[in-house]
Amino acid sequence: MHPKKNRKSSKSQISAEFIIVTAILMIIFISFFAIANKRASQSDSIKAMLYAKTEADKTANAINSAFIAGDNSKIVQEISGTFRDGSPYMLSIYPASRIVDITYKSQGEARHYSTSIITSQITGNLTGINSTITISNHDKVISVEK
C-alpha cells in the first residue's frame, strides 16, 4: 500500500468520526434544551395555579371566618386583582355552589381555581371582584361589599 493513500484514508476517517461525534453532541444538546424548556413551561403553569390557590383560599377563609364569628362580625379583605408576578386575575363568589373562583390566564389559556366555602347565604357584589372588599355577617347572612 502506498503511504499517501493510507494518510488520506486516515484523514477521511477522522473527519467522518468528527462529524458523527459532533452530530451526536448536537442532538444531545438540543434534547437537553427541549426538556428544560418544557420543564420551565410546566413550572410557570404550576406557579400561576399556586398564586390562584393562595388568593382563593385567603378569600374563602375570610368568608368562613366571618360566618363562624357570628352576627356583626366584619373582615376587610384586600384583593389586588394581580398575582405577585403581576399577572391579572378575577375573583368571583358563587353562593349556590359554595365556591370562591379565581379566573386567570396561564400560557395563553383561561384557567380557573376554585375552593369551597361553608355557607351559601351570601349577598352583595360577587363577580369580577378585583378591589378591597368588606365581608360582614348580619344574622348569618354574609354581605360582600366593595
Protein backbone atom coordinates (compact mmCIF):
# COMPACT_ATOMS: atom_id res chain seq x y z
CA MET A 1 0.00 0.00 0.00
CA HIS A 2 1.13 3.47 -0.80
CA PRO A 3 1.83 5.71 2.30
CA LYS A 4 -0.01 8.73 0.85
CA LYS A 5 -3.21 6.73 0.31
CA ASN A 6 -3.13 5.49 3.89
CA ARG A 7 -2.75 9.06 5.20
CA LYS A 8 -5.70 10.30 3.08
CA SER A 9 -7.83 7.40 4.25
CA SER A 10 -6.90 8.14 7.86
CA LYS A 11 -7.77 11.85 7.44
CA SER A 12 -11.10 10.95 5.88
CA GLN A 13 -11.90 8.56 8.70
CA ILE A 14 -11.03 11.18 11.33
CA SER A 15 -13.20 13.77 9.54
CA ALA A 16 -16.13 11.35 9.33
CA GLU A 17 -15.77 10.42 13.01
CA PHE A 18 -15.60 14.10 13.96
CA ILE A 19 -18.82 14.84 12.04
CA ILE A 20 -20.61 11.88 13.66
CA VAL A 21 -19.49 12.84 17.18
CA THR A 22 -20.45 16.49 16.55
CA ALA A 23 -23.90 15.44 15.27
CA ILE A 24 -24.49 13.22 18.32
CA LEU A 25 -23.42 16.02 20.69
CA MET A 26 -25.75 18.48 18.91
CA ILE A 27 -28.68 16.06 19.25
CA ILE A 28 -27.98 15.65 22.97
CA PHE A 29 -27.61 19.42 23.39
CA ILE A 30 -30.90 20.18 21.56
CA SER A 31 -32.73 17.44 23.51
CA PHE A 32 -31.47 18.90 26.77
CA PHE A 33 -32.81 22.36 25.92
CA ALA A 34 -36.15 20.98 24.70
CA ILE A 35 -36.62 19.17 28.03
CA ALA A 36 -35.51 22.24 30.01
CA ASN A 37 -37.95 24.46 28.09
CA LYS A 38 -40.83 22.05 28.74
CA ARG A 39 -39.99 21.97 32.47
CA ALA A 40 -39.87 25.77 32.62
CA SER A 41 -43.28 25.95 30.97
CA GLN A 42 -44.72 23.45 33.45
CA SER A 43 -43.15 25.40 36.30
CA ASP A 44 -44.83 28.64 35.14
CA SER A 45 -48.21 26.89 34.95
CA ILE A 46 -47.83 25.45 38.46
CA LYS A 47 -46.70 28.82 39.82
CA ALA A 48 -49.80 30.55 38.40
CA MET A 49 -52.05 27.85 39.87
CA LEU A 50 -50.42 28.25 43.29
CA TYR A 51 -50.91 32.03 43.16
CA ALA A 52 -54.59 31.43 42.33
CA LYS A 53 -54.89 28.92 45.17
CA THR A 54 -53.39 31.38 47.64
CA GLU A 55 -55.80 34.18 46.68
CA ALA A 56 -58.90 31.94 46.58
CA ASP A 57 -58.07 30.30 49.91
CA LYS A 58 -57.40 33.67 51.54
CA THR A 59 -60.83 34.98 50.45
CA ALA A 60 -62.65 31.74 51.33
CA ASN A 61 -61.00 31.80 54.76
CA ALA A 62 -62.18 35.39 55.32
CA ILE A 63 -65.78 34.48 54.35
CA ASN A 64 -65.74 31.36 56.53
CA SER A 65 -64.23 33.29 59.45
CA ALA A 66 -66.91 36.00 59.23
CA PHE A 67 -69.61 33.33 59.16
CA ILE A 68 -68.19 31.42 62.13
CA ALA A 69 -67.51 34.59 64.14
CA GLY A 70 -71.23 35.30 64.24
CA ASP A 71 -73.52 38.26 64.00
CA ASN A 72 -71.99 41.71 63.41
CA SER A 73 -68.54 40.35 62.58
CA LYS A 74 -66.64 42.19 59.87
CA ILE A 75 -63.48 41.42 57.90
CA VAL A 76 -61.74 43.65 55.38
CA GLN A 77 -60.08 41.61 52.63
CA GLU A 78 -57.60 43.20 50.23
CA ILE A 79 -57.91 41.82 46.69
CA SER A 80 -55.32 43.33 44.39
CA GLY A 81 -56.50 41.85 41.09
CA THR A 82 -52.94 40.82 40.22
CA PHE A 83 -50.76 37.97 41.39
CA ARG A 84 -47.28 38.54 42.84
CA ASP A 85 -45.80 38.16 39.36
CA GLY A 86 -48.06 40.95 38.03
CA SER A 87 -50.46 38.79 36.01
CA PRO A 88 -54.15 39.75 36.40
CA TYR A 89 -56.93 37.63 37.85
CA MET A 90 -60.62 37.98 38.58
CA LEU A 91 -62.27 36.67 41.74
CA SER A 92 -65.91 35.57 41.87
CA ILE A 93 -68.06 34.07 44.61
CA TYR A 94 -70.77 31.55 43.71
CA PRO A 95 -73.00 31.03 46.76
CA ALA A 96 -75.23 28.33 45.23
CA SER A 97 -72.15 26.18 44.55
CA ARG A 98 -70.45 27.34 47.76
CA ILE A 99 -67.21 28.23 45.99
CA VAL A 100 -64.76 31.07 45.54
CA ASP A 101 -63.38 31.03 42.00
CA ILE A 102 -60.28 32.66 40.56
CA THR A 103 -60.08 33.12 36.78
CA TYR A 104 -56.60 33.76 35.41
CA LYS A 105 -54.53 33.22 32.28
CA SER A 106 -51.68 30.77 32.11
CA GLN A 107 -49.78 30.03 28.91
CA GLY A 108 -52.37 32.00 26.93
CA GLU A 109 -55.35 29.97 28.18
CA ALA A 110 -58.06 30.98 30.64
CA ARG A 111 -57.86 28.82 33.74
CA HIS A 112 -59.87 28.53 36.95
CA TYR A 113 -59.11 27.62 40.52
CA SER A 114 -61.98 27.09 42.97
CA THR A 115 -62.13 26.47 46.69
CA SER A 116 -65.10 25.82 48.93
CA ILE A 117 -66.87 27.99 51.50
CA ILE A 118 -69.19 26.82 54.29
CA THR A 119 -72.25 28.98 53.61
CA SER A 120 -74.45 29.71 50.65
CA GLN A 121 -76.08 32.70 52.36
CA ILE A 122 -74.05 35.43 50.67
CA THR A 123 -75.23 38.70 49.15
CA GLY A 124 -73.56 41.68 47.51
CA ASN A 125 -71.09 42.20 44.71
CA LEU A 126 -69.99 38.63 43.98
CA THR A 127 -68.44 38.57 40.49
CA GLY A 128 -65.50 40.32 38.90
CA ILE A 129 -64.02 41.33 42.25
CA ASN A 130 -60.61 43.00 41.94
CA SER A 131 -60.50 45.52 44.78
CA THR A 132 -60.65 45.59 48.56
CA ILE A 133 -63.89 44.13 49.95
CA THR A 134 -65.64 44.19 53.30
CA ILE A 135 -67.13 40.89 54.40
CA SER A 136 -69.70 41.17 57.16
CA ASN A 137 -72.13 38.84 58.92
CA HIS A 138 -75.69 40.06 59.60
CA ASP A 139 -77.99 37.39 61.04
CA LYS A 140 -76.00 34.54 59.44
CA VAL A 141 -76.08 36.19 56.01
CA ILE A 142 -72.68 37.19 54.66
CA SER A 143 -72.54 40.51 52.84
CA VAL A 144 -69.70 41.27 50.43
CA GLU A 145 -69.24 44.95 49.57
CA LYS A 146 -66.53 46.87 47.73
